[in-house]
C-alpha atoms as a PDB file:
ATOM      1  CA  MET A   1      11.270 -47.764  -9.609  1.00  0.00           C
ATOM      2  CA  ALA A   2      13.161 -44.771 -11.196  1.00  0.00           C
ATOM      3  CA  VAL A   3      14.051 -41.546  -9.146  1.00  0.00           C
ATOM      4  CA  THR A   4      12.636 -38.526 -11.116  1.00  0.00           C
ATOM      5  CA  ILE A   5      13.127 -34.786 -10.657  1.00  0.00           C
ATOM      6  CA  ARG A   6      10.057 -35.052  -8.966  1.00  0.00           C
ATOM      7  CA  ASP A   7      11.352 -37.328  -6.443  1.00  0.00           C
ATOM      8  CA  ILE A   8      14.299 -35.060  -6.257  1.00  0.00           C
ATOM      9  CA  ALA A   9      12.625 -31.728  -5.557  1.00  0.00           C
ATOM     10  CA  LYS A  10      10.027 -33.138  -2.680  1.00  0.00           C
ATOM     11  CA  GLU A  11      13.849 -34.481  -0.789  1.00  0.00           C
ATOM     12  CA  ALA A  12      15.362 -31.262  -1.542  1.00  0.00           C
ATOM     13  CA  GLY A  13      12.385 -28.834  -0.578  1.00  0.00           C
ATOM     14  CA  VAL A  14      12.879 -27.048  -3.831  1.00  0.00           C
ATOM     15  CA  SER A  15      10.649 -26.501  -6.975  1.00  0.00           C
ATOM     16  CA  ARG A  16      11.417 -29.161 -10.080  1.00  0.00           C
ATOM     17  CA  GLY A  17      12.608 -26.012 -11.624  1.00  0.00           C
ATOM     18  CA  THR A  18      15.175 -25.716 -10.036  1.00  0.00           C
ATOM     19  CA  VAL A  19      16.427 -29.315  -9.735  1.00  0.00           C
ATOM     20  CA  ASP A  20      16.175 -29.035 -13.466  1.00  0.00           C
ATOM     21  CA  ARG A  21      18.686 -26.152 -13.735  1.00  0.00           C
ATOM     22  CA  VAL A  22      21.159 -27.980 -11.414  1.00  0.00           C
ATOM     23  CA  LEU A  23      20.923 -31.316 -13.074  1.00  0.00           C
ATOM     24  CA  HIS A  24      21.597 -29.259 -16.682  1.00  0.00           C
ATOM     25  CA  LYS A  25      24.247 -27.335 -14.880  1.00  0.00           C
ATOM     26  CA  ARG A  26      22.138 -24.056 -16.076  1.00  0.00           C
ATOM     27  CA  LYS A  27      22.367 -20.327 -14.376  1.00  0.00           C
ATOM     28  CA  GLY A  28      20.434 -18.806 -11.781  1.00  0.00           C
ATOM     29  CA  VAL A  29      20.902 -21.252  -8.623  1.00  0.00           C
ATOM     30  CA  ASN A  30      22.667 -20.640  -5.380  1.00  0.00           C
ATOM     31  CA  GLU A  31      26.023 -22.444  -5.072  1.00  0.00           C
ATOM     32  CA  GLU A  32      25.126 -24.074  -1.708  1.00  0.00           C
ATOM     33  CA  VAL A  33      21.779 -25.012  -2.853  1.00  0.00           C
ATOM     34  CA  ALA A  34      22.764 -26.211  -5.992  1.00  0.00           C
ATOM     35  CA  LYS A  35      25.601 -28.386  -4.056  1.00  0.00           C
ATOM     36  CA  ARG A  36      22.674 -30.012  -1.946  1.00  0.00           C
ATOM     37  CA  VAL A  37      20.228 -30.585  -4.899  1.00  0.00           C
ATOM     38  CA  GLN A  38      23.276 -32.707  -6.812  1.00  0.00           C
ATOM     39  CA  ALA A  39      24.355 -34.643  -3.973  1.00  0.00           C
ATOM     40  CA  ILE A  40      20.435 -35.707  -2.978  1.00  0.00           C
ATOM     41  CA  ALA A  41      20.311 -36.211  -6.672  1.00  0.00           C
ATOM     42  CA  ASP A  42      23.598 -38.571  -6.451  1.00  0.00           C
ATOM     43  CA  GLU A  43      22.457 -40.088  -3.419  1.00  0.00           C
ATOM     44  CA  MET A  44      18.842 -41.393  -4.648  1.00  0.00           C
ATOM     45  CA  GLY A  45      21.276 -42.626  -7.792  1.00  0.00           C
ATOM     46  CA  PHE A  46      19.099 -40.382 -10.442  1.00  0.00           C
ATOM     47  CA  THR A  47      19.827 -41.572 -14.068  1.00  0.00           C
ATOM     48  CA  PRO A  48      17.855 -40.331 -17.151  1.00  0.00           C
ATOM     49  CA  ASN A  49      16.682 -43.788 -18.735  1.00  0.00           C
ATOM     50  CA  LEU A  50      17.266 -43.105 -22.814  1.00  0.00           C
ATOM     51  CA  ALA A  51      16.062 -46.363 -23.738  1.00  0.00           C
ATOM     52  CA  GLY A  52      12.955 -45.734 -21.774  1.00  0.00           C
ATOM     53  CA  LYS A  53      12.334 -42.208 -23.050  1.00  0.00           C
ATOM     54  CA  VAL A  54      12.743 -42.999 -26.469  1.00  0.00           C
ATOM     55  CA  LEU A  55      10.095 -46.078 -26.173  1.00  0.00           C
ATOM     56  CA  ALA A  56       8.022 -43.390 -24.590  1.00  0.00           C
ATOM     57  CA  ARG A  57       8.126 -40.702 -27.052  1.00  0.00           C
ATOM     58  CA  ARG A  58       6.982 -43.275 -29.676  1.00  0.00           C
ATOM     59  CA  LYS A  59       3.685 -42.919 -28.344  1.00  0.00           C
ATOM     60  CA  GLN A  60       3.603 -39.480 -26.619  1.00  0.00           C
ATOM     61  CA  PRO A  61       4.535 -36.754 -28.868  1.00  0.00           C
ATOM     62  CA  LEU A  62       7.440 -34.314 -27.864  1.00  0.00           C
ATOM     63  CA  ARG A  63       6.634 -30.666 -28.502  1.00  0.00           C
ATOM     64  CA  ILE A  64       9.194 -28.055 -29.352  1.00  0.00           C
ATOM     65  CA  GLY A  65       7.926 -24.312 -29.775  1.00  0.00           C
ATOM     66  CA  CYS A  66      10.348 -22.178 -32.161  1.00  0.00           C
ATOM     67  CA  LEU A  67       9.842 -18.477 -32.089  1.00  0.00           C
ATOM     68  CA  LEU A  68      11.700 -16.466 -35.072  1.00  0.00           C
ATOM     69  CA  PRO A  69      11.457 -12.725 -35.789  1.00  0.00           C
ATOM     70  CA  SER A  70      11.381 -14.190 -39.903  1.00  0.00           C
ATOM     71  CA  ILE A  71       8.658 -12.468 -41.758  1.00  0.00           C
ATOM     72  CA  GLY A  72       9.880 -10.600 -44.500  1.00  0.00           C
ATOM     73  CA  ASN A  73      13.831 -11.675 -43.977  1.00  0.00           C
ATOM     74  CA  PRO A  74      14.575 -14.284 -46.468  1.00  0.00           C
ATOM     75  CA  PHE A  75      17.616 -15.457 -44.068  1.00  0.00           C
ATOM     76  CA  PHE A  76      15.540 -17.422 -41.896  1.00  0.00           C
ATOM     77  CA  ASP A  77      14.126 -19.754 -44.901  1.00  0.00           C
ATOM     78  CA  ASP A  78      16.791 -21.428 -44.215  1.00  0.00           C
ATOM     79  CA  VAL A  79      17.088 -21.758 -40.524  1.00  0.00           C
ATOM     80  CA  ILE A  80      13.946 -23.097 -40.870  1.00  0.00           C
ATOM     81  CA  ALA A  81      14.443 -25.722 -43.613  1.00  0.00           C
ATOM     82  CA  GLY A  82      17.546 -27.219 -41.047  1.00  0.00           C
ATOM     83  CA  PHE A  83      14.314 -26.913 -38.240  1.00  0.00           C
ATOM     84  CA  ARG A  84      12.189 -29.017 -40.878  1.00  0.00           C
ATOM     85  CA  GLN A  85      15.019 -31.378 -41.604  1.00  0.00           C
ATOM     86  CA  ALA A  86      15.445 -32.206 -38.191  1.00  0.00           C
ATOM     87  CA  GLU A  87      11.991 -32.578 -37.379  1.00  0.00           C
ATOM     88  CA  ARG A  88      11.557 -35.115 -40.780  1.00  0.00           C
ATOM     89  CA  GLU A  89      14.702 -37.287 -39.075  1.00  0.00           C
ATOM     90  CA  LEU A  90      13.498 -37.374 -35.625  1.00  0.00           C
ATOM     91  CA  SER A  91       9.632 -37.996 -36.545  1.00  0.00           C
ATOM     92  CA  ASP A  92       9.930 -41.708 -35.539  1.00  0.00           C
ATOM     93  CA  PHE A  93      10.321 -40.299 -31.977  1.00  0.00           C
ATOM     94  CA  GLY A  94       7.293 -38.030 -31.845  1.00  0.00           C
ATOM     95  CA  VAL A  95       9.045 -34.637 -32.754  1.00  0.00           C
ATOM     96  CA  ILE A  96       6.713 -32.114 -33.575  1.00  0.00           C
ATOM     97  CA  LEU A  97       7.770 -28.418 -34.025  1.00  0.00           C
ATOM     98  CA  ASP A  98       5.589 -25.753 -34.101  1.00  0.00           C
ATOM     99  CA  ILE A  99       6.720 -22.427 -35.285  1.00  0.00           C
ATOM    100  CA  THR A 100       5.992 -19.024 -34.660  1.00  0.00           C
ATOM    101  CA  GLN A 101       7.286 -16.248 -36.982  1.00  0.00           C
ATOM    102  CA  ILE A 102       6.909 -12.760 -36.141  1.00  0.00           C
ATOM    103  CA  LYS A 103       8.085  -9.576 -38.478  1.00  0.00           C
ATOM    104  CA  SER A 104       9.569  -7.186 -35.570  1.00  0.00           C
ATOM    105  CA  PHE A 105      11.698  -6.070 -33.183  1.00  0.00           C
ATOM    106  CA  ASP A 106       8.763  -4.626 -31.381  1.00  0.00           C
ATOM    107  CA  LEU A 107       9.267  -5.367 -27.445  1.00  0.00           C
ATOM    108  CA  ASN A 108       5.646  -5.989 -26.508  1.00  0.00           C
ATOM    109  CA  ALA A 109       5.255  -8.494 -29.755  1.00  0.00           C
ATOM    110  CA  HIS A 110       8.202 -10.788 -28.657  1.00  0.00           C
ATOM    111  CA  LEU A 111       6.831 -10.868 -24.897  1.00  0.00           C
ATOM    112  CA  LYS A 112       3.542 -11.442 -26.395  1.00  0.00           C
ATOM    113  CA  GLU A 113       4.835 -14.340 -28.673  1.00  0.00           C
ATOM    114  CA  ILE A 114       7.122 -15.897 -25.395  1.00  0.00           C
ATOM    115  CA  LYS A 115       3.965 -15.633 -23.107  1.00  0.00           C
ATOM    116  CA  HIS A 116       2.076 -17.831 -26.409  1.00  0.00           C
ATOM    117  CA  LEU A 117       5.133 -20.393 -26.046  1.00  0.00           C
ATOM    118  CA  GLU A 118       5.052 -20.554 -21.779  1.00  0.00           C
ATOM    119  CA  ALA A 119       1.387 -20.967 -21.949  1.00  0.00           C
ATOM    120  CA  LYS A 120       1.866 -24.029 -24.479  1.00  0.00           C
ATOM    121  CA  HIS A 121       4.278 -25.797 -22.129  1.00  0.00           C
ATOM    122  CA  TYR A 122       6.501 -27.459 -25.058  1.00  0.00           C
ATOM    123  CA  ASP A 123       8.998 -29.818 -24.054  1.00  0.00           C
ATOM    124  CA  GLY A 124      11.595 -27.546 -25.228  1.00  0.00           C
ATOM    125  CA  VAL A 125      11.513 -24.171 -26.733  1.00  0.00           C
ATOM    126  CA  CYS A 126      13.739 -22.509 -29.281  1.00  0.00           C
ATOM    127  CA  VAL A 127      14.079 -18.805 -29.802  1.00  0.00           C
ATOM    128  CA  THR A 128      15.464 -16.081 -31.785  1.00  0.00           C
ATOM    129  CA  THR A 129      14.593 -13.351 -29.424  1.00  0.00           C
ATOM    130  CA  LEU A 130      15.935 -10.005 -28.144  1.00  0.00           C
ATOM    131  CA  ASP A 131      17.996  -9.422 -25.261  1.00  0.00           C
ATOM    132  CA  VAL A 132      16.598  -7.213 -22.981  1.00  0.00           C
ATOM    133  CA  GLN A 133      15.457  -7.624 -19.242  1.00  0.00           C
ATOM    134  CA  PRO A 134      11.936  -7.877 -19.620  1.00  0.00           C
ATOM    135  CA  VAL A 135      12.316 -10.930 -22.351  1.00  0.00           C
ATOM    136  CA  ILE A 136      15.459 -12.216 -20.706  1.00  0.00           C
ATOM    137  CA  ASP A 137      12.967 -12.694 -17.718  1.00  0.00           C
ATOM    138  CA  ALA A 138      10.072 -13.966 -19.669  1.00  0.00           C
ATOM    139  CA  ILE A 139      12.388 -16.689 -20.709  1.00  0.00           C
ATOM    140  CA  ASP A 140      13.498 -17.543 -17.322  1.00  0.00           C
ATOM    141  CA  ARG A 141      10.087 -18.142 -15.978  1.00  0.00           C
ATOM    142  CA  ILE A 142       9.732 -20.772 -18.787  1.00  0.00           C
ATOM    143  CA  ALA A 143      13.368 -22.580 -17.874  1.00  0.00           C
ATOM    144  CA  GLU A 144      12.005 -22.143 -13.992  1.00  0.00           C
ATOM    145  CA  SER A 145       8.885 -24.163 -14.848  1.00  0.00           C
ATOM    146  CA  GLY A 146      11.202 -27.122 -16.231  1.00  0.00           C
ATOM    147  CA  THR A 147      11.004 -26.594 -20.086  1.00  0.00           C
ATOM    148  CA  THR A 148      14.308 -26.244 -21.665  1.00  0.00           C
ATOM    149  CA  VAL A 149      14.916 -22.762 -23.564  1.00  0.00           C
ATOM    150  CA  VAL A 150      18.132 -22.951 -26.115  1.00  0.00           C
ATOM    151  CA  THR A 151      18.773 -19.955 -28.489  1.00  0.00           C
ATOM    152  CA  VAL A 152      19.411 -20.069 -31.985  1.00  0.00           C
ATOM    153  CA  ASN A 153      20.879 -17.440 -34.553  1.00  0.00           C
ATOM    154  CA  THR A 154      21.419 -14.864 -31.665  1.00  0.00           C
ATOM    155  CA  ASP A 155      22.438 -15.515 -28.275  1.00  0.00           C
ATOM    156  CA  ILE A 156      20.968 -14.279 -24.524  1.00  0.00           C
ATOM    157  CA  ASP A 157      23.788 -16.026 -22.758  1.00  0.00           C
ATOM    158  CA  SER A 158      22.388 -14.102 -19.378  1.00  0.00           C
ATOM    159  CA  SER A 159      19.334 -16.019 -19.613  1.00  0.00           C
ATOM    160  CA  HIS A 160      18.746 -19.544 -18.399  1.00  0.00           C
ATOM    161  CA  ARG A 161      18.450 -20.731 -21.701  1.00  0.00           C
ATOM    162  CA  LEU A 162      20.423 -24.132 -21.796  1.00  0.00           C
ATOM    163  CA  PHE A 163      22.960 -23.616 -25.080  1.00  0.00           C
ATOM    164  CA  TYR A 164      23.732 -21.473 -28.353  1.00  0.00           C
ATOM    165  CA  VAL A 165      23.680 -22.747 -31.852  1.00  0.00           C
ATOM    166  CA  GLY A 166      24.733 -19.851 -33.957  1.00  0.00           C
ATOM    167  CA  PRO A 167      27.897 -17.565 -35.128  1.00  0.00           C
ATOM    168  CA  ASP A 168      30.468 -16.028 -33.450  1.00  0.00           C
ATOM    169  CA  TYR A 169      28.753 -12.296 -34.100  1.00  0.00           C
ATOM    170  CA  TYR A 170      32.193 -10.645 -32.522  1.00  0.00           C
ATOM    171  CA  LEU A 171      34.490 -12.755 -35.218  1.00  0.00           C
ATOM    172  CA  GLU A 172      32.088 -11.691 -37.894  1.00  0.00           C
ATOM    173  CA  GLY A 173      32.858  -8.053 -37.180  1.00  0.00           C
ATOM    174  CA  LYS A 174      36.201  -8.477 -36.595  1.00  0.00           C
ATOM    175  CA  THR A 175      36.492 -10.236 -39.928  1.00  0.00           C
ATOM    176  CA  ALA A 176      34.809  -7.525 -41.749  1.00  0.00           C
ATOM    177  CA  SER A 177      37.377  -4.748 -40.354  1.00  0.00           C
ATOM    178  CA  GLY A 178      40.128  -6.478 -41.404  1.00  0.00           C
ATOM    179  CA  LEU A 179      38.621  -7.107 -45.119  1.00  0.00           C
ATOM    180  CA  LEU A 180      37.997  -3.458 -45.163  1.00  0.00           C
ATOM    181  CA  GLN A 181      41.577  -2.748 -43.891  1.00  0.00           C
ATOM    182  CA  LEU A 182      42.581  -4.855 -46.749  1.00  0.00           C
ATOM    183  CA  CYS A 183      40.223  -3.207 -49.357  1.00  0.00           C
ATOM    184  CA  SER A 184      40.999   0.305 -48.379  1.00  0.00           C
ATOM    185  CA  LYS A 185      44.019   2.045 -46.860  1.00  0.00           C
ATOM    186  CA  THR A 186      42.277   5.387 -46.786  1.00  0.00           C
ATOM    187  CA  GLN A 187      40.547   6.849 -44.102  1.00  0.00           C
ATOM    188  CA  LYS A 188      37.049   5.179 -43.792  1.00  0.00           C
ATOM    189  CA  ARG A 189      34.149   7.314 -43.111  1.00  0.00           C
ATOM    190  CA  VAL A 190      31.526   4.803 -42.072  1.00  0.00           C
ATOM    191  CA  LEU A 191      27.716   4.488 -42.228  1.00  0.00           C
ATOM    192  CA  ILE A 192      26.461   1.396 -40.099  1.00  0.00           C
ATOM    193  CA  VAL A 193      23.193   0.279 -40.815  1.00  0.00           C
ATOM    194  CA  THR A 194      22.092  -2.529 -38.007  1.00  0.00           C
ATOM    195  CA  GLY A 195      18.877  -4.192 -37.778  1.00  0.00           C
ATOM    196  CA  SER A 196      18.302  -3.468 -33.986  1.00  0.00           C
ATOM    197  CA  PHE A 197      20.011  -2.332 -31.203  1.00  0.00           C
ATOM    198  CA  ASN A 198      18.296  -4.974 -29.089  1.00  0.00           C
ATOM    199  CA  MET A 199      19.458  -8.056 -30.721  1.00  0.00           C
ATOM    200  CA  LYS A 200      22.980  -8.972 -29.484  1.00  0.00           C
ATOM    201  CA  GLY A 201      24.195 -10.291 -32.752  1.00  0.00           C
ATOM    202  CA  HIS A 202      24.032  -7.122 -34.103  1.00  0.00           C
ATOM    203  CA  GLN A 203      25.452  -5.430 -31.521  1.00  0.00           C
ATOM    204  CA  GLU A 204      28.381  -7.863 -31.411  1.00  0.00           C
ATOM    205  CA  ARG A 205      28.933  -7.115 -35.280  1.00  0.00           C
ATOM    206  CA  ILE A 206      29.431  -3.813 -34.336  1.00  0.00           C
ATOM    207  CA  ARG A 207      31.896  -4.109 -31.620  1.00  0.00           C
ATOM    208  CA  GLY A 208      33.999  -6.572 -33.334  1.00  0.00           C
ATOM    209  CA  PHE A 209      34.084  -4.249 -36.287  1.00  0.00           C
ATOM    210  CA  ILE A 210      34.831  -1.444 -34.254  1.00  0.00           C
ATOM    211  CA  GLU A 211      37.780  -3.281 -31.884  1.00  0.00           C
ATOM    212  CA  GLY A 212      39.032  -4.923 -35.349  1.00  0.00           C
ATOM    213  CA  LEU A 213      39.503  -1.577 -37.116  1.00  0.00           C
ATOM    214  CA  GLN A 214      40.978   0.032 -34.102  1.00  0.00           C
ATOM    215  CA  GLU A 215      43.813  -3.385 -33.338  1.00  0.00           C
ATOM    216  CA  HIS A 216      44.304  -2.697 -37.232  1.00  0.00           C
ATOM    217  CA  GLY A 217      45.466   1.027 -36.462  1.00  0.00           C
ATOM    218  CA  ALA A 218      42.816   1.953 -39.189  1.00  0.00           C
ATOM    219  CA  ASP A 219      41.984   5.712 -40.218  1.00  0.00           C
ATOM    220  CA  TYR A 220      38.177   5.517 -39.619  1.00  0.00           C
ATOM    221  CA  VAL A 221      35.163   7.882 -38.554  1.00  0.00           C
ATOM    222  CA  VAL A 222      32.063   6.148 -38.021  1.00  0.00           C
ATOM    223  CA  ILE A 223      29.491   9.049 -39.197  1.00  0.00           C
ATOM    224  CA  ASP A 224      26.614   7.511 -37.869  1.00  0.00           C
ATOM    225  CA  THR A 225      24.720   4.160 -36.931  1.00  0.00           C
ATOM    226  CA  VAL A 226      21.038   3.838 -37.641  1.00  0.00           C
ATOM    227  CA  GLU A 227      18.568   0.671 -37.400  1.00  0.00           C
ATOM    228  CA  SER A 228      16.682  -0.302 -40.405  1.00  0.00           C
ATOM    229  CA  LEU A 229      14.403  -2.883 -38.342  1.00  0.00           C
ATOM    230  CA  ASP A 230      15.176  -5.302 -40.870  1.00  0.00           C
ATOM    231  CA  ASP A 231      12.753  -3.741 -43.341  1.00  0.00           C
ATOM    232  CA  ASP A 232      13.995  -2.481 -46.599  1.00  0.00           C
ATOM    233  CA  THR A 233      11.683   0.767 -46.858  1.00  0.00           C
ATOM    234  CA  ILE A 234      13.454   1.797 -43.310  1.00  0.00           C
ATOM    235  CA  GLY A 235      16.639   0.827 -44.514  1.00  0.00           C
ATOM    236  CA  TYR A 236      16.113   2.811 -47.957  1.00  0.00           C
ATOM    237  CA  GLU A 237      14.984   6.224 -46.330  1.00  0.00           C
ATOM    238  CA  ARG A 238      17.530   5.852 -43.065  1.00  0.00           C
ATOM    239  CA  THR A 239      20.701   5.107 -45.665  1.00  0.00           C
ATOM    240  CA  ARG A 240      19.443   7.932 -47.717  1.00  0.00           C
ATOM    241  CA  ALA A 241      19.044  10.201 -45.317  1.00  0.00           C
ATOM    242  CA  CYS A 242      22.389  10.020 -44.168  1.00  0.00           C
ATOM    243  CA  LEU A 243      23.858   9.852 -47.407  1.00  0.00           C
ATOM    244  CA  GLU A 244      22.107  13.126 -48.117  1.00  0.00           C
ATOM    245  CA  GLN A 245      23.464  14.927 -45.137  1.00  0.00           C
ATOM    246  CA  HIS A 246      27.049  13.508 -45.230  1.00  0.00           C
ATOM    247  CA  GLU A 247      28.653  13.394 -48.994  1.00  0.00           C
ATOM    248  CA  ASP A 248      32.070  12.230 -47.475  1.00  0.00           C
ATOM    249  CA  ILE A 249      30.422   8.740 -46.169  1.00  0.00           C
ATOM    250  CA  ASN A 250      32.923   6.029 -48.519  1.00  0.00           C
ATOM    251  CA  CYS A 251      31.863   2.786 -46.345  1.00  0.00           C
ATOM    252  CA  ILE A 252      28.451   1.397 -45.649  1.00  0.00           C
ATOM    253  CA  TYR A 253      28.228  -1.639 -43.012  1.00  0.00           C
ATOM    254  CA  LEU A 254      25.247  -3.450 -43.081  1.00  0.00           C
ATOM    255  CA  THR A 255      24.853  -5.449 -40.265  1.00  0.00           C
ATOM    256  CA  ALA A 256      21.668  -7.148 -40.957  1.00  0.00           C
ATOM    257  CA  THR A 257      18.541  -7.332 -43.407  1.00  0.00           C
ATOM    258  CA  GLY A 258      17.607  -4.385 -44.827  1.00  0.00           C
ATOM    259  CA  VAL A 259      20.125  -4.723 -47.545  1.00  0.00           C
ATOM    260  CA  GLN A 260      18.130  -4.468 -50.570  1.00  0.00           C
ATOM    261  CA  GLY A 261      16.655  -0.886 -49.373  1.00  0.00           C
ATOM    262  CA  ALA A 262      19.801   0.139 -48.128  1.00  0.00           C
ATOM    263  CA  CYS A 263      21.566  -0.468 -51.619  1.00  0.00           C
ATOM    264  CA  GLN A 264      18.883   1.313 -53.374  1.00  0.00           C
ATOM    265  CA  ALA A 265      19.399   4.234 -52.004  1.00  0.00           C
ATOM    266  CA  VAL A 266      22.839   4.567 -52.951  1.00  0.00           C
ATOM    267  CA  LYS A 267      21.653   3.676 -56.625  1.00  0.00           C
ATOM    268  CA  ASP A 268      19.443   6.428 -56.183  1.00  0.00           C
ATOM    269  CA  LEU A 269      21.796   8.822 -55.250  1.00  0.00           C
ATOM    270  CA  GLY A 270      24.659   7.493 -57.923  1.00  0.00           C
ATOM    271  CA  ARG A 271      26.980   6.417 -55.209  1.00  0.00           C
ATOM    272  CA  GLN A 272      27.630   2.793 -55.919  1.00  0.00           C
ATOM    273  CA  ASP A 273      30.943   3.599 -57.622  1.00  0.00           C
ATOM    274  CA  SER A 274      32.417   5.621 -54.756  1.00  0.00           C
ATOM    275  CA  LEU A 275      31.288   3.363 -51.737  1.00  0.00           C
ATOM    276  CA  ARG A 276      32.546   0.254 -50.253  1.00  0.00           C
ATOM    277  CA  ILE A 277      29.530  -1.313 -49.091  1.00  0.00           C
ATOM    278  CA  PHE A 278      29.828  -4.956 -47.024  1.00  0.00           C
ATOM    279  CA  SER A 279      26.974  -6.765 -45.583  1.00  0.00           C
ATOM    280  CA  PHE A 280      26.000 -10.645 -44.024  1.00  0.00           C
ATOM    281  CA  ASP A 281      24.701 -13.628 -45.487  1.00  0.00           C
ATOM    282  CA  ASP A 282      23.730 -15.091 -48.976  1.00  0.00           C
ATOM    283  CA  VAL A 283      20.133 -14.380 -50.170  1.00  0.00           C
ATOM    284  CA  PRO A 284      19.184 -13.961 -53.066  1.00  0.00           C
ATOM    285  CA  ILE A 285      19.432  -9.920 -52.863  1.00  0.00           C
ATOM    286  CA  THR A 286      22.267  -9.941 -51.399  1.00  0.00           C
ATOM    287  CA  ARG A 287      24.069 -12.484 -53.936  1.00  0.00           C
ATOM    288  CA  SER A 288      22.433 -10.643 -56.913  1.00  0.00           C
ATOM    289  CA  LEU A 289      24.167  -6.764 -55.339  1.00  0.00           C
ATOM    290  CA  VAL A 290      27.568  -8.976 -54.973  1.00  0.00           C
ATOM    291  CA  LYS A 291      27.546  -9.986 -58.607  1.00  0.00           C
ATOM    292  CA  GLU A 292      27.003  -6.471 -59.454  1.00  0.00           C
ATOM    293  CA  GLY A 293      29.363  -5.325 -57.917  1.00  0.00           C
ATOM    294  CA  VAL A 294      27.534  -2.716 -55.407  1.00  0.00           C
ATOM    295  CA  ILE A 295      28.415  -5.292 -52.549  1.00  0.00           C
ATOM    296  CA  THR A 296      32.306  -5.628 -52.048  1.00  0.00           C
ATOM    297  CA  PHE A 297      31.889  -8.867 -49.940  1.00  0.00           C
ATOM    298  CA  THR A 298      29.459 -10.191 -47.544  1.00  0.00           C
ATOM    299  CA  ILE A 299      29.723 -12.716 -44.867  1.00  0.00           C
ATOM    300  CA  CYS A 300      28.004 -15.908 -44.366  1.00  0.00           C
ATOM    301  CA  GLN A 301      27.179 -18.088 -41.217  1.00  0.00           C
ATOM    302  CA  GLN A 302      25.604 -21.718 -42.124  1.00  0.00           C
ATOM    303  CA  PRO A 303      21.765 -20.842 -41.413  1.00  0.00           C
ATOM    304  CA  LYS A 304      20.545 -24.114 -42.053  1.00  0.00           C
ATOM    305  CA  ARG A 305      22.963 -25.796 -39.872  1.00  0.00           C
ATOM    306  CA  GLN A 306      21.629 -23.603 -37.287  1.00  0.00           C
ATOM    307  CA  GLY A 307      18.459 -24.629 -37.547  1.00  0.00           C
ATOM    308  CA  TYR A 308      19.329 -28.623 -37.831  1.00  0.00           C
ATOM    309  CA  ASP A 309      21.706 -28.760 -35.155  1.00  0.00           C
ATOM    310  CA  ALA A 310      19.603 -26.704 -32.572  1.00  0.00           C
ATOM    311  CA  ILE A 311      16.565 -29.250 -32.829  1.00  0.00           C
ATOM    312  CA  GLN A 312      18.913 -32.023 -32.990  1.00  0.00           C
ATOM    313  CA  LYS A 313      20.861 -31.040 -29.930  1.00  0.00           C
ATOM    314  CA  LEU A 314      17.813 -30.198 -27.973  1.00  0.00           C
ATOM    315  CA  PHE A 315      16.262 -33.702 -28.296  1.00  0.00           C
ATOM    316  CA  THR A 316      19.379 -35.167 -27.698  1.00  0.00           C
ATOM    317  CA  HIS A 317      18.931 -33.476 -24.222  1.00  0.00           C
ATOM    318  CA  LEU A 318      15.444 -33.770 -23.950  1.00  0.00           C
ATOM    319  CA  MET A 319      16.393 -37.658 -24.483  1.00  0.00           C
ATOM    320  CA  ASN A 320      19.265 -38.185 -21.955  1.00  0.00           C
ATOM    321  CA  GLN A 321      20.020 -34.993 -19.551  1.00  0.00           C
ATOM    322  CA  GLN A 322      23.238 -36.411 -18.403  1.00  0.00           C
ATOM    323  CA  ASP A 323      25.064 -35.317 -21.513  1.00  0.00           C
ATOM    324  CA  PRO A 324      26.986 -32.490 -21.407  1.00  0.00           C
ATOM    325  CA  ILE A 325      25.796 -29.429 -23.200  1.00  0.00           C
ATOM    326  CA  VAL A 326      28.336 -26.757 -24.576  1.00  0.00           C
ATOM    327  CA  ASP A 327      27.206 -24.153 -27.870  1.00  0.00           C
ATOM    328  CA  THR A 328      27.656 -24.782 -31.226  1.00  0.00           C
ATOM    329  CA  ILE A 329      29.329 -22.101 -33.111  1.00  0.00           C
ATOM    330  CA  THR A 330      29.120 -22.360 -36.921  1.00  0.00           C
ATOM    331  CA  GLN A 331      31.927 -21.015 -39.589  1.00  0.00           C
ATOM    332  CA  THR A 332      32.264 -17.696 -40.889  1.00  0.00           C
ATOM    333  CA  ILE A 333      32.236 -17.905 -44.482  1.00  0.00           C
ATOM    334  CA  ILE A 334      33.792 -15.143 -46.772  1.00  0.00           C
ATOM    335  CA  LYS A 335      32.092 -14.788 -50.283  1.00  0.00           C
ATOM    336  CA  ILE A 336      32.362 -12.444 -53.266  1.00  0.00           C
ATOM    337  CA  ARG A 337      32.075 -11.730 -56.701  1.00  0.00           C
ATOM    338  CA  GLU A 338      33.863 -14.854 -57.742  1.00  0.00           C
ATOM    339  CA  ASN A 339      32.400 -17.426 -55.208  1.00  0.00           C
ATOM    340  CA  ILE A 340      28.812 -16.217 -54.494  1.00  0.00           C
ATOM    341  CA  GLU A 341      27.448 -19.086 -56.360  1.00  0.00           C
ATOM    342  CA  GLU A 342      29.554 -22.124 -54.081  1.00  0.00           C
END
């Protein structure tokens, strides 16, 4: 009879969640305990049976829960398209996705939905969420229960997530700093409009940008950093207030959504010809503003591939838990008016 995780947990005197983390090389287990669990697994001859699992999944659905802060954010349309493409390709194996969408970076809203994910006992969970301790604790509880958790689009690497699929936000920020330096040699007086201070990706874009400017020896001043909360109305109000207060701002760095609102504030103040504006992603409004010349460049990150690869890798892991797992980093792609349609 095949050895199961339950058998190993009983022999080692630990929980199944602990065994799961050890076998999947995840964080959060004492080193001595991890060595003992691995030794017991090896001694008992534990090997996942891929063929058997595939046959079993034809009879029993493999349920994956997804959480995205995507309402009002068209970027995630392509992430969801990638999810659905993977789901279609894996339908013969019984893969079913439940996608929960929320509009908010509100901590309580995220914790509420993560609690719902936990209560449904999915085989796997794929999330884009906040990098704050209460969320990390909630994710770790799901992982401790034996459900595999992965992050897509933005990471929470201090949690017990198994792997991450998404861009290198720090590299994107450094790329933005290099492009700005090429565009302008004068002093840069920068307004940063970010999505949320609690999203790791947004913070990494800012860190990479600032450190990139420093490495270039650029003459720059960050006048202010404000949150748009990925909302055009908030983006408009906060951008306009900063521009009215600081008429010497000559660059706007848009690290997330809220692009339409921020750019409309620039237009309403008649400042589009005196500002360098740079953003991220290729969504309809950003594409239009690049073509119009309001945005100088936008940096893109393959969102459909993120959704597709996250589900495919999660499925592979659930089927064959001895496969090595590494993060997948998508490409950083620069688009300007001349190539925005490509």
